[in-house]
Amino acid sequence: PDVADYIARHYRRILLREPTDAEVAHLRQLYRDVLAAGGEAAPAYDWAILMCFSVLTSTESLFY
């Protein structure tokens, strides 16, 4: 399934706004990078953790 809806849902919950096209593209690239790194049996799970971490620790999330 398309992850854009998943990404948008998390942005709405965490930052109370829609993600930009660039943010969605960066997070899709992150998934490709996690998949290419291999090693773990669950790349989607690893990507979801990294995606949440990156949004939750963004400057916008911490200070606004």
N, C-alpha and C. Protein backbone atom coordinates (compact mmCIF):
# COMPACT_ATOMS: atom_id res chain seq x y z
N PRO A 1 0.83 -1.21 0.00
CA PRO A 1 0.00 0.00 0.00
C PRO A 1 0.87 1.27 0.00
N ASP A 2 0.28 2.33 -0.47
CA ASP A 2 1.00 3.59 -0.53
C ASP A 2 1.24 4.12 0.88
N VAL A 3 2.45 4.48 1.16
CA VAL A 3 2.81 4.94 2.50
C VAL A 3 2.50 6.41 2.72
N ALA A 4 2.09 7.12 1.68
CA ALA A 4 1.79 8.55 1.84
C ALA A 4 0.69 8.78 2.87
N ASP A 5 -0.32 7.92 2.88
CA ASP A 5 -1.39 8.06 3.87
C ASP A 5 -0.87 7.80 5.28
N TYR A 6 -0.01 6.80 5.42
CA TYR A 6 0.59 6.49 6.72
C TYR A 6 1.44 7.66 7.22
N ILE A 7 2.24 8.23 6.33
CA ILE A 7 3.08 9.38 6.69
C ILE A 7 2.20 10.57 7.06
N ALA A 8 1.17 10.84 6.27
CA ALA A 8 0.28 11.98 6.54
C ALA A 8 -0.43 11.82 7.88
N ARG A 9 -0.84 10.60 8.19
CA ARG A 9 -1.52 10.35 9.48
C ARG A 9 -0.60 10.69 10.64
N HIS A 10 0.66 10.30 10.54
CA HIS A 10 1.59 10.59 11.62
C HIS A 10 1.92 12.08 11.71
N TYR A 11 2.04 12.74 10.59
CA TYR A 11 2.28 14.19 10.62
C TYR A 11 1.10 14.91 11.27
N ARG A 12 -0.12 14.49 10.94
CA ARG A 12 -1.29 15.14 11.55
C ARG A 12 -1.31 14.90 13.06
N ARG A 13 -0.95 13.72 13.49
CA ARG A 13 -0.96 13.42 14.94
C ARG A 13 0.17 14.13 15.68
N ILE A 14 1.33 14.20 15.07
CA ILE A 14 2.51 14.73 15.77
C ILE A 14 2.65 16.24 15.58
N LEU A 15 2.57 16.70 14.34
CA LEU A 15 2.82 18.11 14.05
C LEU A 15 1.55 18.90 13.75
N LEU A 16 0.42 18.22 13.71
CA LEU A 16 -0.87 18.86 13.48
C LEU A 16 -0.93 19.58 12.13
N ARG A 17 -0.30 18.98 11.13
CA ARG A 17 -0.34 19.53 9.77
C ARG A 17 -0.07 18.42 8.77
N GLU A 18 -0.31 18.73 7.51
CA GLU A 18 -0.03 17.79 6.44
C GLU A 18 1.47 17.85 6.09
N PRO A 19 2.06 16.73 5.69
CA PRO A 19 3.46 16.78 5.28
C PRO A 19 3.59 17.41 3.89
N THR A 20 4.72 18.01 3.64
CA THR A 20 4.98 18.55 2.31
C THR A 20 5.36 17.39 1.39
N ASP A 21 5.33 17.66 0.10
CA ASP A 21 5.73 16.64 -0.87
C ASP A 21 7.18 16.24 -0.66
N ALA A 22 8.02 17.21 -0.30
CA ALA A 22 9.44 16.92 -0.06
C ALA A 22 9.62 16.01 1.15
N GLU A 23 8.83 16.24 2.19
CA GLU A 23 8.93 15.40 3.39
C GLU A 23 8.52 13.96 3.08
N VAL A 24 7.45 13.81 2.31
CA VAL A 24 7.02 12.47 1.92
C VAL A 24 8.10 11.80 1.08
N ALA A 25 8.68 12.54 0.16
CA ALA A 25 9.74 11.98 -0.69
C ALA A 25 10.95 11.56 0.14
N HIS A 26 11.32 12.35 1.12
CA HIS A 26 12.46 12.01 1.98
C HIS A 26 12.18 10.73 2.78
N LEU A 27 10.97 10.60 3.29
CA LEU A 27 10.64 9.42 4.07
C LEU A 27 10.52 8.17 3.20
N ARG A 28 10.09 8.34 1.96
CA ARG A 28 10.10 7.20 1.02
C ARG A 28 11.54 6.78 0.72
N GLN A 29 12.41 7.77 0.56
CA GLN A 29 13.81 7.46 0.32
C GLN A 29 14.42 6.76 1.54
N LEU A 30 14.02 7.16 2.72
CA LEU A 30 14.49 6.50 3.94
C LEU A 30 14.13 5.02 3.91
N TYR A 31 12.92 4.69 3.44
CA TYR A 31 12.53 3.29 3.35
C TYR A 31 13.43 2.53 2.38
N ARG A 32 13.71 3.14 1.24
CA ARG A 32 14.60 2.49 0.27
C ARG A 32 15.99 2.29 0.86
N ASP A 33 16.46 3.26 1.65
CA ASP A 33 17.76 3.13 2.29
C ASP A 33 17.76 2.01 3.33
N VAL A 34 16.71 1.92 4.12
CA VAL A 34 16.60 0.85 5.13
C VAL A 34 16.55 -0.50 4.43
N LEU A 35 15.79 -0.59 3.36
CA LEU A 35 15.67 -1.84 2.61
C LEU A 35 17.01 -2.24 2.01
N ALA A 36 17.75 -1.27 1.47
CA ALA A 36 19.04 -1.56 0.86
C ALA A 36 20.09 -1.96 1.89
N ALA A 37 19.97 -1.45 3.11
CA ALA A 37 20.94 -1.77 4.16
C ALA A 37 20.84 -3.23 4.57
N GLY A 38 19.65 -3.81 4.42
CA GLY A 38 19.46 -5.23 4.76
C GLY A 38 19.74 -5.49 6.23
N GLY A 39 20.04 -6.72 6.54
CA GLY A 39 20.39 -7.07 7.90
C GLY A 39 19.21 -7.49 8.75
N GLU A 40 18.18 -6.71 8.78
CA GLU A 40 17.01 -7.02 9.60
C GLU A 40 15.95 -7.72 8.77
N ALA A 41 15.16 -8.52 9.44
CA ALA A 41 14.11 -9.28 8.77
C ALA A 41 12.85 -8.45 8.53
N ALA A 42 12.72 -7.30 9.17
CA ALA A 42 11.50 -6.50 9.07
C ALA A 42 11.83 -5.06 8.70
N PRO A 43 12.17 -4.78 7.44
CA PRO A 43 12.54 -3.41 7.07
C PRO A 43 11.39 -2.41 7.25
N ALA A 44 10.15 -2.82 7.05
CA ALA A 44 9.02 -1.90 7.22
C ALA A 44 8.90 -1.47 8.68
N TYR A 45 9.11 -2.40 9.60
CA TYR A 45 9.06 -2.09 11.03
C TYR A 45 10.20 -1.13 11.39
N ASP A 46 11.40 -1.42 10.90
CA ASP A 46 12.55 -0.54 11.17
C ASP A 46 12.31 0.85 10.60
N TRP A 47 11.75 0.91 9.38
CA TRP A 47 11.46 2.20 8.76
C TRP A 47 10.44 2.98 9.59
N ALA A 48 9.40 2.30 10.08
CA ALA A 48 8.37 2.97 10.86
C ALA A 48 8.94 3.58 12.13
N ILE A 49 9.83 2.87 12.78
CA ILE A 49 10.48 3.40 13.98
C ILE A 49 11.32 4.62 13.64
N LEU A 50 12.13 4.52 12.58
CA LEU A 50 12.97 5.65 12.17
C LEU A 50 12.14 6.84 11.71
N MET A 51 11.03 6.58 11.02
CA MET A 51 10.16 7.66 10.58
C MET A 51 9.57 8.40 11.78
N CYS A 52 9.05 7.66 12.74
CA CYS A 52 8.49 8.30 13.93
C CYS A 52 9.56 9.08 14.69
N PHE A 53 10.74 8.49 14.83
CA PHE A 53 11.83 9.15 15.53
C PHE A 53 12.21 10.45 14.83
N SER A 54 12.30 10.41 13.51
CA SER A 54 12.72 11.62 12.79
C SER A 54 11.69 12.73 12.90
N VAL A 55 10.41 12.39 12.88
CA VAL A 55 9.37 13.42 13.00
C VAL A 55 9.28 13.93 14.44
N LEU A 56 9.33 13.02 15.40
CA LEU A 56 9.21 13.42 16.80
C LEU A 56 10.40 14.23 17.31
N THR A 57 11.56 14.06 16.73
CA THR A 57 12.74 14.79 17.19
C THR A 57 13.08 15.96 16.28
N SER A 58 12.18 16.30 15.37
CA SER A 58 12.43 17.47 14.51
C SER A 58 12.34 18.73 15.36
N THR A 59 12.99 19.76 14.91
CA THR A 59 12.95 21.04 15.63
C THR A 59 11.51 21.53 15.75
N GLU A 60 10.74 21.35 14.71
CA GLU A 60 9.34 21.79 14.73
C GLU A 60 8.55 21.08 15.84
N SER A 61 8.80 19.81 16.02
CA SER A 61 8.10 19.04 17.05
C SER A 61 8.56 19.43 18.45
N LEU A 62 9.83 19.70 18.62
CA LEU A 62 10.38 19.98 19.93
C LEU A 62 10.07 21.38 20.44
N PHE A 63 10.05 22.37 19.55
CA PHE A 63 9.96 23.75 20.00
C PHE A 63 8.69 24.48 19.60
N TYR A 64 7.86 23.89 18.74
CA TYR A 64 6.66 24.61 18.31
C TYR A 64 5.49 23.81 18.71
